N, C-alpha and C. Protein backbone atom coordinates (compact mmCIF):
# COMPACT_ATOMS: atom_id res chain seq x y z
N MET A 1 0.82 -1.19 0.00
CA MET A 1 0.00 0.00 0.00
C MET A 1 0.86 1.25 0.00
N SER A 2 1.98 1.25 0.74
CA SER A 2 2.79 2.45 0.81
C SER A 2 3.42 2.77 -0.54
N ASN A 3 3.72 1.75 -1.36
CA ASN A 3 4.24 2.00 -2.70
C ASN A 3 3.19 2.69 -3.54
N ASP A 4 1.93 2.26 -3.45
CA ASP A 4 0.85 2.91 -4.18
C ASP A 4 0.70 4.35 -3.73
N ARG A 5 0.80 4.58 -2.45
CA ARG A 5 0.66 5.93 -1.91
C ARG A 5 1.83 6.79 -2.38
N ALA A 6 3.02 6.23 -2.40
CA ALA A 6 4.19 6.98 -2.87
C ALA A 6 4.05 7.30 -4.35
N ALA A 7 3.56 6.34 -5.12
CA ALA A 7 3.34 6.58 -6.55
C ALA A 7 2.28 7.66 -6.74
N GLU A 8 1.23 7.61 -5.95
CA GLU A 8 0.18 8.64 -6.02
C GLU A 8 0.77 10.01 -5.68
N ALA A 9 1.62 10.07 -4.66
CA ALA A 9 2.22 11.34 -4.27
C ALA A 9 3.12 11.88 -5.38
N ARG A 10 3.92 10.98 -5.98
CA ARG A 10 4.78 11.40 -7.10
C ARG A 10 3.94 11.90 -8.26
N GLN A 11 2.88 11.17 -8.58
CA GLN A 11 2.01 11.57 -9.68
C GLN A 11 1.37 12.93 -9.38
N GLY A 12 0.96 13.14 -8.13
CA GLY A 12 0.38 14.42 -7.74
C GLY A 12 1.38 15.56 -7.89
N LEU A 13 2.63 15.30 -7.50
CA LEU A 13 3.67 16.32 -7.65
C LEU A 13 3.91 16.62 -9.12
N PHE A 14 4.01 15.57 -9.91
CA PHE A 14 4.21 15.75 -11.36
C PHE A 14 3.05 16.53 -11.97
N ASP A 15 1.80 16.16 -11.60
CA ASP A 15 0.63 16.86 -12.14
C ASP A 15 0.63 18.33 -11.71
N SER A 16 1.04 18.59 -10.47
CA SER A 16 1.07 19.96 -9.98
C SER A 16 2.08 20.79 -10.76
N ILE A 17 3.27 20.21 -10.98
CA ILE A 17 4.32 20.92 -11.73
C ILE A 17 3.89 21.12 -13.18
N ALA A 18 3.35 20.06 -13.79
CA ALA A 18 2.91 20.16 -15.18
C ALA A 18 1.78 21.16 -15.31
N GLY A 19 0.85 21.18 -14.36
CA GLY A 19 -0.25 22.13 -14.40
C GLY A 19 0.24 23.56 -14.27
N LYS A 20 1.22 23.76 -13.37
CA LYS A 20 1.77 25.11 -13.20
C LYS A 20 2.47 25.55 -14.48
N ALA A 21 3.21 24.61 -15.09
CA ALA A 21 3.91 24.93 -16.34
C ALA A 21 2.90 25.30 -17.44
N LYS A 22 1.80 24.57 -17.54
CA LYS A 22 0.78 24.87 -18.54
C LYS A 22 0.15 26.24 -18.26
N GLU A 23 -0.10 26.49 -16.98
CA GLU A 23 -0.71 27.77 -16.62
C GLU A 23 0.21 28.93 -16.99
N VAL A 24 1.51 28.80 -16.68
CA VAL A 24 2.48 29.85 -17.00
C VAL A 24 2.62 29.99 -18.52
N ALA A 25 2.72 28.86 -19.23
CA ALA A 25 2.85 28.90 -20.69
C ALA A 25 1.62 29.54 -21.31
N GLY A 26 0.44 29.21 -20.81
CA GLY A 26 -0.79 29.82 -21.33
C GLY A 26 -0.83 31.30 -21.05
N ALA A 27 -0.39 31.70 -19.85
CA ALA A 27 -0.40 33.12 -19.51
C ALA A 27 0.58 33.89 -20.38
N VAL A 28 1.77 33.30 -20.63
CA VAL A 28 2.79 33.96 -21.45
C VAL A 28 2.33 34.04 -22.90
N SER A 29 1.71 32.96 -23.40
CA SER A 29 1.31 32.93 -24.82
C SER A 29 -0.07 33.53 -25.03
N GLY A 30 -0.79 33.83 -23.93
CA GLY A 30 -2.11 34.42 -24.05
C GLY A 30 -3.20 33.42 -24.38
N LYS A 31 -2.97 32.14 -24.12
CA LYS A 31 -3.97 31.10 -24.40
C LYS A 31 -4.72 30.79 -23.10
N ASP A 32 -5.93 31.29 -23.02
CA ASP A 32 -6.73 31.10 -21.80
C ASP A 32 -7.09 29.65 -21.57
N ASP A 33 -7.32 28.89 -22.65
CA ASP A 33 -7.66 27.48 -22.47
C ASP A 33 -6.50 26.69 -21.87
N LEU A 34 -5.27 27.05 -22.20
CA LEU A 34 -4.10 26.39 -21.62
C LEU A 34 -3.96 26.79 -20.15
N VAL A 35 -4.27 28.03 -19.82
CA VAL A 35 -4.25 28.48 -18.42
C VAL A 35 -5.27 27.68 -17.61
N GLU A 36 -6.49 27.54 -18.14
CA GLU A 36 -7.53 26.78 -17.45
C GLU A 36 -7.14 25.32 -17.29
N GLU A 37 -6.57 24.74 -18.34
CA GLU A 37 -6.14 23.33 -18.26
C GLU A 37 -5.09 23.16 -17.17
N GLY A 38 -4.15 24.12 -17.11
CA GLY A 38 -3.11 24.06 -16.08
C GLY A 38 -3.70 24.18 -14.68
N GLN A 39 -4.67 25.08 -14.51
CA GLN A 39 -5.30 25.24 -13.20
C GLN A 39 -6.08 23.99 -12.81
N LEU A 40 -6.77 23.39 -13.78
CA LEU A 40 -7.50 22.15 -13.51
C LEU A 40 -6.55 21.03 -13.11
N GLN A 41 -5.42 20.96 -13.79
CA GLN A 41 -4.45 19.91 -13.48
C GLN A 41 -3.89 20.12 -12.07
N GLN A 42 -3.67 21.37 -11.68
CA GLN A 42 -3.19 21.65 -10.33
C GLN A 42 -4.24 21.30 -9.28
N THR A 43 -5.50 21.60 -9.58
CA THR A 43 -6.59 21.25 -8.66
C THR A 43 -6.67 19.74 -8.50
N GLU A 44 -6.54 19.03 -9.61
CA GLU A 44 -6.57 17.56 -9.55
C GLU A 44 -5.41 17.04 -8.69
N ALA A 45 -4.25 17.65 -8.81
CA ALA A 45 -3.09 17.24 -8.02
C ALA A 45 -3.34 17.48 -6.53
N ARG A 46 -3.95 18.64 -6.19
CA ARG A 46 -4.27 18.92 -4.78
C ARG A 46 -5.27 17.90 -4.25
N ASN A 47 -6.28 17.58 -5.05
CA ASN A 47 -7.28 16.58 -4.64
C ASN A 47 -6.64 15.22 -4.44
N ARG A 48 -5.71 14.88 -5.31
CA ARG A 48 -5.03 13.58 -5.18
C ARG A 48 -4.22 13.54 -3.89
N ARG A 49 -3.50 14.64 -3.59
CA ARG A 49 -2.72 14.68 -2.35
C ARG A 49 -3.63 14.57 -1.13
N ALA A 50 -4.76 15.25 -1.18
CA ALA A 50 -5.71 15.19 -0.06
C ALA A 50 -6.25 13.77 0.11
N ALA A 51 -6.55 13.11 -1.01
CA ALA A 51 -7.06 11.74 -0.94
C ALA A 51 -6.02 10.79 -0.38
N VAL A 52 -4.76 10.97 -0.78
CA VAL A 52 -3.68 10.12 -0.26
C VAL A 52 -3.54 10.34 1.24
N ALA A 53 -3.64 11.59 1.68
CA ALA A 53 -3.55 11.88 3.12
C ALA A 53 -4.73 11.27 3.88
N ASP A 54 -5.93 11.43 3.32
CA ASP A 54 -7.12 10.84 3.97
C ASP A 54 -7.02 9.33 4.05
N ASP A 55 -6.51 8.73 3.00
CA ASP A 55 -6.34 7.28 2.98
C ASP A 55 -5.34 6.84 4.04
N ALA A 56 -4.26 7.58 4.19
CA ALA A 56 -3.25 7.25 5.20
C ALA A 56 -3.85 7.37 6.60
N ILE A 57 -4.65 8.41 6.82
CA ILE A 57 -5.29 8.59 8.13
C ILE A 57 -6.25 7.44 8.42
N ALA A 58 -7.05 7.09 7.43
CA ALA A 58 -7.99 5.98 7.62
C ALA A 58 -7.27 4.68 7.90
N GLU A 59 -6.16 4.46 7.20
CA GLU A 59 -5.38 3.24 7.42
C GLU A 59 -4.80 3.23 8.84
N ALA A 60 -4.33 4.38 9.30
CA ALA A 60 -3.79 4.46 10.66
C ALA A 60 -4.87 4.21 11.69
N LYS A 61 -6.07 4.77 11.47
CA LYS A 61 -7.18 4.53 12.39
C LYS A 61 -7.56 3.05 12.42
N GLN A 62 -7.54 2.43 11.26
CA GLN A 62 -7.88 1.01 11.19
C GLN A 62 -6.85 0.19 11.97
N ALA A 63 -5.57 0.53 11.79
CA ALA A 63 -4.52 -0.19 12.52
C ALA A 63 -4.66 0.03 14.02
N GLU A 64 -4.99 1.25 14.42
CA GLU A 64 -5.19 1.55 15.85
C GLU A 64 -6.36 0.75 16.42
N ALA A 65 -7.46 0.70 15.67
CA ALA A 65 -8.63 -0.06 16.13
C ALA A 65 -8.30 -1.55 16.24
N ALA A 66 -7.53 -2.05 15.27
CA ALA A 66 -7.15 -3.47 15.32
C ALA A 66 -6.27 -3.73 16.53
N GLN A 67 -5.34 -2.80 16.83
CA GLN A 67 -4.48 -2.98 18.00
C GLN A 67 -5.29 -2.93 19.29
N LYS A 68 -6.26 -2.01 19.36
CA LYS A 68 -7.12 -1.94 20.54
C LYS A 68 -7.88 -3.25 20.73
N MET A 69 -8.36 -3.80 19.61
CA MET A 69 -9.11 -5.04 19.68
C MET A 69 -8.20 -6.17 20.19
N ARG A 70 -6.95 -6.22 19.67
CA ARG A 70 -6.01 -7.26 20.14
C ARG A 70 -5.71 -7.06 21.63
N ASP A 71 -5.48 -5.81 22.04
CA ASP A 71 -5.19 -5.54 23.45
C ASP A 71 -6.37 -5.93 24.34
N SER A 72 -7.57 -5.60 23.88
CA SER A 72 -8.77 -5.93 24.65
C SER A 72 -8.93 -7.45 24.77
N SER A 73 -8.67 -8.15 23.68
CA SER A 73 -8.78 -9.61 23.71
C SER A 73 -7.77 -10.22 24.67
N GLN A 74 -6.53 -9.69 24.65
CA GLN A 74 -5.51 -10.20 25.55
C GLN A 74 -5.88 -9.91 27.01
N GLU A 75 -6.36 -8.71 27.25
CA GLU A 75 -6.76 -8.35 28.61
C GLU A 75 -7.90 -9.23 29.09
N ALA A 76 -8.85 -9.48 28.20
CA ALA A 76 -9.98 -10.33 28.56
C ALA A 76 -9.51 -11.75 28.87
N ALA A 77 -8.58 -12.24 28.06
CA ALA A 77 -8.07 -13.59 28.30
C ALA A 77 -7.35 -13.67 29.64
N LEU A 78 -6.55 -12.65 29.95
CA LEU A 78 -5.86 -12.64 31.24
C LEU A 78 -6.85 -12.57 32.40
N THR A 79 -7.84 -11.70 32.26
CA THR A 79 -8.85 -11.56 33.31
C THR A 79 -9.61 -12.86 33.49
N LYS A 80 -9.98 -13.46 32.37
CA LYS A 80 -10.74 -14.71 32.42
C LYS A 80 -9.92 -15.79 33.12
N GLY A 81 -8.63 -15.88 32.75
CA GLY A 81 -7.77 -16.90 33.36
C GLY A 81 -7.60 -16.68 34.85
N SER A 82 -7.34 -15.43 35.24
CA SER A 82 -7.13 -15.18 36.67
C SER A 82 -8.43 -15.35 37.46
N THR A 83 -9.56 -14.99 36.85
CA THR A 83 -10.84 -15.16 37.54
C THR A 83 -11.15 -16.64 37.72
N ARG A 84 -10.90 -17.41 36.68
CA ARG A 84 -11.14 -18.86 36.81
C ARG A 84 -10.21 -19.49 37.84
N THR A 85 -8.96 -19.03 37.85
CA THR A 85 -8.01 -19.56 38.84
C THR A 85 -8.48 -19.22 40.25
N GLU A 86 -8.92 -17.99 40.44
CA GLU A 86 -9.41 -17.57 41.75
C GLU A 86 -10.66 -18.36 42.13
N ALA A 87 -11.56 -18.57 41.18
CA ALA A 87 -12.77 -19.36 41.46
C ALA A 87 -12.38 -20.79 41.84
N GLY A 88 -11.38 -21.34 41.16
CA GLY A 88 -10.90 -22.68 41.50
C GLY A 88 -10.33 -22.74 42.90
N ARG A 89 -9.55 -21.69 43.25
CA ARG A 89 -8.98 -21.63 44.61
C ARG A 89 -10.09 -21.54 45.65
N GLN A 90 -11.08 -20.72 45.37
CA GLN A 90 -12.20 -20.57 46.31
C GLN A 90 -12.94 -21.89 46.48
N GLU A 91 -13.18 -22.56 45.36
CA GLU A 91 -13.88 -23.85 45.45
C GLU A 91 -13.06 -24.86 46.23
N SER A 92 -11.74 -24.86 46.00
CA SER A 92 -10.87 -25.78 46.74
C SER A 92 -10.88 -25.45 48.22
N ALA A 93 -10.82 -24.15 48.53
CA ALA A 93 -10.85 -23.74 49.93
C ALA A 93 -12.18 -24.13 50.57
N VAL A 94 -13.27 -23.98 49.81
CA VAL A 94 -14.59 -24.35 50.31
C VAL A 94 -14.62 -25.85 50.58
N ASP A 95 -14.09 -26.62 49.64
CA ASP A 95 -14.06 -28.08 49.82
C ASP A 95 -13.23 -28.46 51.05
N GLN A 96 -12.06 -27.82 51.19
CA GLN A 96 -11.22 -28.13 52.36
C GLN A 96 -11.92 -27.71 53.65
N GLN A 97 -12.51 -26.54 53.62
CA GLN A 97 -13.19 -26.07 54.82
C GLN A 97 -14.38 -26.97 55.14
N ARG A 98 -15.08 -27.36 54.09
CA ARG A 98 -16.22 -28.25 54.32
C ARG A 98 -15.76 -29.54 54.99
N GLU A 99 -14.65 -30.11 54.49
CA GLU A 99 -14.13 -31.34 55.09
C GLU A 99 -13.73 -31.12 56.54
N THR A 100 -13.07 -29.99 56.79
CA THR A 100 -12.64 -29.68 58.16
C THR A 100 -13.84 -29.51 59.07
N GLU A 101 -14.83 -28.77 58.59
CA GLU A 101 -16.01 -28.53 59.40
C GLU A 101 -16.81 -29.80 59.63
N HIS A 102 -16.85 -30.67 58.65
CA HIS A 102 -17.54 -31.94 58.85
C HIS A 102 -16.82 -32.81 59.88
N ALA A 103 -15.51 -32.77 59.84
CA ALA A 103 -14.75 -33.55 60.82
C ALA A 103 -14.97 -33.00 62.23
N LEU A 104 -14.95 -31.68 62.35
CA LEU A 104 -15.20 -31.07 63.65
C LEU A 104 -16.61 -31.37 64.15
N ALA A 105 -17.54 -31.29 63.22
CA ALA A 105 -18.92 -31.57 63.58
C ALA A 105 -19.08 -33.03 64.02
N ALA A 106 -18.35 -33.93 63.35
CA ALA A 106 -18.43 -35.34 63.73
C ALA A 106 -17.88 -35.57 65.14
N ARG A 107 -16.74 -34.92 65.45
CA ARG A 107 -16.17 -35.05 66.80
C ARG A 107 -17.10 -34.45 67.85
N ALA A 108 -17.69 -33.30 67.50
CA ALA A 108 -18.60 -32.66 68.45
C ALA A 108 -19.84 -33.53 68.66
N ALA A 109 -20.27 -34.20 67.60
CA ALA A 109 -21.44 -35.06 67.70
C ALA A 109 -21.18 -36.24 68.62
N GLU A 110 -19.96 -36.74 68.57
CA GLU A 110 -19.60 -37.85 69.45
C GLU A 110 -19.59 -37.42 70.92
N GLN A 111 -19.23 -36.16 71.15
CA GLN A 111 -19.11 -35.66 72.51
C GLN A 111 -20.43 -35.11 73.05
N GLN A 112 -21.29 -34.69 72.20
CA GLN A 112 -22.54 -34.07 72.65
C GLN A 112 -23.70 -35.01 72.42
N GLU A 113 -24.82 -34.56 72.86
CA GLU A 113 -26.04 -35.33 72.66
C GLU A 113 -26.45 -35.24 71.20
N ALA A 114 -27.43 -35.97 70.80
CA ALA A 114 -27.88 -36.05 69.41
C ALA A 114 -28.35 -34.68 68.90
N ASP A 115 -29.05 -33.90 69.72
CA ASP A 115 -29.52 -32.57 69.29
C ASP A 115 -28.35 -31.65 68.98
N ALA A 116 -27.32 -31.65 69.84
CA ALA A 116 -26.16 -30.79 69.64
C ALA A 116 -25.42 -31.20 68.36
N SER A 117 -25.38 -32.49 68.09
CA SER A 117 -24.72 -33.00 66.89
C SER A 117 -25.42 -32.51 65.63
N GLN A 118 -26.75 -32.54 65.62
CA GLN A 118 -27.50 -32.09 64.44
C GLN A 118 -27.30 -30.58 64.21
N GLU A 119 -27.24 -29.81 65.26
CA GLU A 119 -27.05 -28.36 65.13
C GLU A 119 -25.67 -28.06 64.52
N ALA A 120 -24.65 -28.76 64.94
CA ALA A 120 -23.30 -28.54 64.40
C ALA A 120 -23.26 -28.88 62.91
N GLU A 121 -23.90 -29.96 62.50
CA GLU A 121 -23.95 -30.33 61.08
C GLU A 121 -24.67 -29.26 60.26
N ARG A 122 -25.76 -28.75 60.81
CA ARG A 122 -26.52 -27.72 60.10
C ARG A 122 -25.67 -26.46 59.89
N GLN A 123 -24.96 -26.08 60.93
CA GLN A 123 -24.11 -24.89 60.82
C GLN A 123 -22.99 -25.11 59.79
N ALA A 124 -22.40 -26.29 59.82
CA ALA A 124 -21.33 -26.59 58.86
C ALA A 124 -21.86 -26.54 57.43
N ASP A 125 -23.03 -27.10 57.20
CA ASP A 125 -23.62 -27.09 55.85
C ASP A 125 -23.96 -25.67 55.41
N GLU A 126 -24.48 -24.85 56.32
CA GLU A 126 -24.80 -23.46 55.97
C GLU A 126 -23.54 -22.68 55.57
N LEU A 127 -22.49 -22.87 56.34
CA LEU A 127 -21.23 -22.19 56.01
C LEU A 127 -20.69 -22.67 54.67
N ALA A 128 -20.75 -23.97 54.44
CA ALA A 128 -20.27 -24.51 53.16
C ALA A 128 -21.11 -23.98 52.00
N GLU A 129 -22.41 -23.89 52.18
CA GLU A 129 -23.29 -23.35 51.14
C GLU A 129 -22.99 -21.87 50.88
N ALA A 130 -22.72 -21.13 51.95
CA ALA A 130 -22.38 -19.71 51.79
C ALA A 130 -21.09 -19.57 50.97
N ARG A 131 -20.13 -20.42 51.25
CA ARG A 131 -18.86 -20.37 50.50
C ARG A 131 -19.08 -20.78 49.05
N LEU A 132 -19.94 -21.75 48.84
CA LEU A 132 -20.25 -22.14 47.46
C LEU A 132 -20.94 -21.00 46.72
N ARG A 133 -21.83 -20.29 47.40
CA ARG A 133 -22.47 -19.13 46.77
C ARG A 133 -21.44 -18.06 46.43
N GLU A 134 -20.46 -17.88 47.31
CA GLU A 134 -19.38 -16.92 47.02
C GLU A 134 -18.61 -17.35 45.77
N ALA A 135 -18.30 -18.62 45.70
CA ALA A 135 -17.58 -19.13 44.52
C ALA A 135 -18.43 -18.96 43.26
N GLU A 136 -19.72 -19.20 43.36
CA GLU A 136 -20.62 -19.01 42.20
C GLU A 136 -20.68 -17.54 41.80
N ALA A 137 -20.66 -16.66 42.80
CA ALA A 137 -20.67 -15.21 42.50
C ALA A 137 -19.40 -14.81 41.76
N ILE A 138 -18.27 -15.38 42.17
CA ILE A 138 -17.00 -15.09 41.48
C ILE A 138 -17.07 -15.60 40.04
N GLN A 139 -17.63 -16.78 39.86
CA GLN A 139 -17.77 -17.34 38.51
C GLN A 139 -18.70 -16.47 37.67
N ALA A 140 -19.77 -15.96 38.27
CA ALA A 140 -20.70 -15.07 37.53
C ALA A 140 -19.99 -13.79 37.14
N ASP A 141 -19.12 -13.28 38.02
CA ASP A 141 -18.35 -12.08 37.69
C ASP A 141 -17.42 -12.35 36.51
N ALA A 142 -16.83 -13.53 36.48
CA ALA A 142 -15.95 -13.89 35.35
C ALA A 142 -16.75 -13.94 34.06
N THR A 143 -17.94 -14.47 34.11
CA THR A 143 -18.80 -14.53 32.92
C THR A 143 -19.17 -13.12 32.46
N ALA A 144 -19.46 -12.24 33.40
CA ALA A 144 -19.80 -10.85 33.03
C ALA A 144 -18.60 -10.17 32.38
N THR A 145 -17.40 -10.42 32.91
CA THR A 145 -16.19 -9.85 32.33
C THR A 145 -15.98 -10.35 30.91
N GLU A 146 -16.23 -11.63 30.70
CA GLU A 146 -16.11 -12.19 29.34
C GLU A 146 -17.11 -11.51 28.40
N HIS A 147 -18.30 -11.29 28.89
CA HIS A 147 -19.33 -10.64 28.06
C HIS A 147 -18.92 -9.22 27.70
N GLN A 148 -18.39 -8.49 28.69
CA GLN A 148 -17.93 -7.12 28.43
C GLN A 148 -16.81 -7.11 27.40
N SER A 149 -15.90 -8.06 27.52
CA SER A 149 -14.80 -8.14 26.56
C SER A 149 -15.32 -8.44 25.16
N ALA A 150 -16.28 -9.33 25.06
CA ALA A 150 -16.85 -9.65 23.75
C ALA A 150 -17.57 -8.45 23.16
N THR A 151 -18.27 -7.69 24.01
CA THR A 151 -18.96 -6.48 23.54
C THR A 151 -17.95 -5.46 23.04
N GLU A 152 -16.85 -5.26 23.79
CA GLU A 152 -15.81 -4.31 23.39
C GLU A 152 -15.16 -4.75 22.08
N LYS A 153 -14.93 -6.03 21.94
CA LYS A 153 -14.32 -6.55 20.72
C LYS A 153 -15.23 -6.29 19.53
N ALA A 154 -16.52 -6.51 19.69
CA ALA A 154 -17.48 -6.27 18.61
C ALA A 154 -17.51 -4.79 18.24
N ARG A 155 -17.45 -3.91 19.25
CA ARG A 155 -17.45 -2.47 18.98
C ARG A 155 -16.21 -2.08 18.19
N LEU A 156 -15.05 -2.60 18.58
CA LEU A 156 -13.81 -2.27 17.88
C LEU A 156 -13.83 -2.80 16.45
N GLN A 157 -14.44 -3.97 16.25
CA GLN A 157 -14.56 -4.50 14.90
C GLN A 157 -15.44 -3.59 14.05
N ARG A 158 -16.53 -3.10 14.64
CA ARG A 158 -17.40 -2.19 13.89
C ARG A 158 -16.65 -0.91 13.52
N GLU A 159 -15.84 -0.40 14.45
CA GLU A 159 -15.06 0.80 14.16
C GLU A 159 -14.08 0.54 13.02
N ALA A 160 -13.44 -0.62 13.03
CA ALA A 160 -12.48 -0.94 11.98
C ALA A 160 -13.19 -1.04 10.63
N ILE A 161 -14.36 -1.64 10.61
CA ILE A 161 -15.13 -1.76 9.36
C ILE A 161 -15.55 -0.38 8.88
N ALA A 162 -15.97 0.48 9.81
CA ALA A 162 -16.37 1.85 9.43
C ALA A 162 -15.18 2.61 8.85
N ALA A 163 -14.00 2.42 9.45
CA ALA A 163 -12.80 3.10 8.95
C ALA A 163 -12.46 2.59 7.55
N GLU A 164 -12.62 1.30 7.31
CA GLU A 164 -12.37 0.73 5.98
C GLU A 164 -13.36 1.29 4.97
N LYS A 165 -14.61 1.39 5.36
CA LYS A 165 -15.62 1.94 4.45
C LYS A 165 -15.32 3.39 4.11
N GLN A 166 -14.93 4.15 5.13
CA GLN A 166 -14.62 5.56 4.90
C GLN A 166 -13.43 5.68 3.95
N ALA A 167 -12.41 4.86 4.13
CA ALA A 167 -11.25 4.90 3.24
C ALA A 167 -11.67 4.54 1.81
N ALA A 168 -12.54 3.55 1.68
CA ALA A 168 -13.01 3.15 0.35
C ALA A 168 -13.80 4.28 -0.30
N GLN A 169 -14.63 4.96 0.49
CA GLN A 169 -15.39 6.09 -0.06
C GLN A 169 -14.47 7.21 -0.51
N LEU A 170 -13.45 7.49 0.30
CA LEU A 170 -12.52 8.54 -0.06
C LEU A 170 -11.76 8.18 -1.35
N ARG A 171 -11.37 6.92 -1.46
CA ARG A 171 -10.70 6.49 -2.70
C ARG A 171 -11.63 6.61 -3.87
N ALA A 172 -12.87 6.23 -3.68
CA ALA A 172 -13.85 6.29 -4.78
C ALA A 172 -14.09 7.74 -5.18
N GLU A 173 -14.19 8.64 -4.21
CA GLU A 173 -14.38 10.05 -4.52
C GLU A 173 -13.19 10.62 -5.25
N THR A 174 -12.00 10.18 -4.88
CA THR A 174 -10.79 10.66 -5.53
C THR A 174 -10.72 10.18 -6.97
N GLU A 175 -11.12 8.97 -7.19
CA GLU A 175 -11.08 8.42 -8.55
C GLU A 175 -12.11 9.09 -9.45
N ASN A 176 -13.21 9.51 -8.87
CA ASN A 176 -14.25 10.19 -9.64
C ASN A 176 -13.81 11.60 -9.87
């Protein structure tokens, strides 16, 4: 693409110089049609330079949007991985705590009457359920983060497509 842009810039410079030469030659020789042709050629050269600049800007915006999308995807992947790891740790801690609490409840049940034993088991189960709910909440947060990342990625893709369309329109206008 940069070779095409360089060729366009060279052609624009050549057209500008040739147009100026025609304008000067027409003015010196008194030929108004040659003056007009030279001015038109210079205008075309200016338009070509503007189109090349607009195309370069659109290309830069597209590259920036693509980089943002890649960065967002990487960030989402890192967040997803760390959230899953944390959820796994929480679940493991819940499992370990549940085992510990069940063992304590079993020892307490042996030492206490049947009613006291049932109360200890109930408390252990409630605590384990609370920890499981915490782990589920962490997992739900990870899912929400994934959704946000997917939404951001879609938005960046739309921006990149819009930038490509704008560049295509500018090229089409320049060619016309």
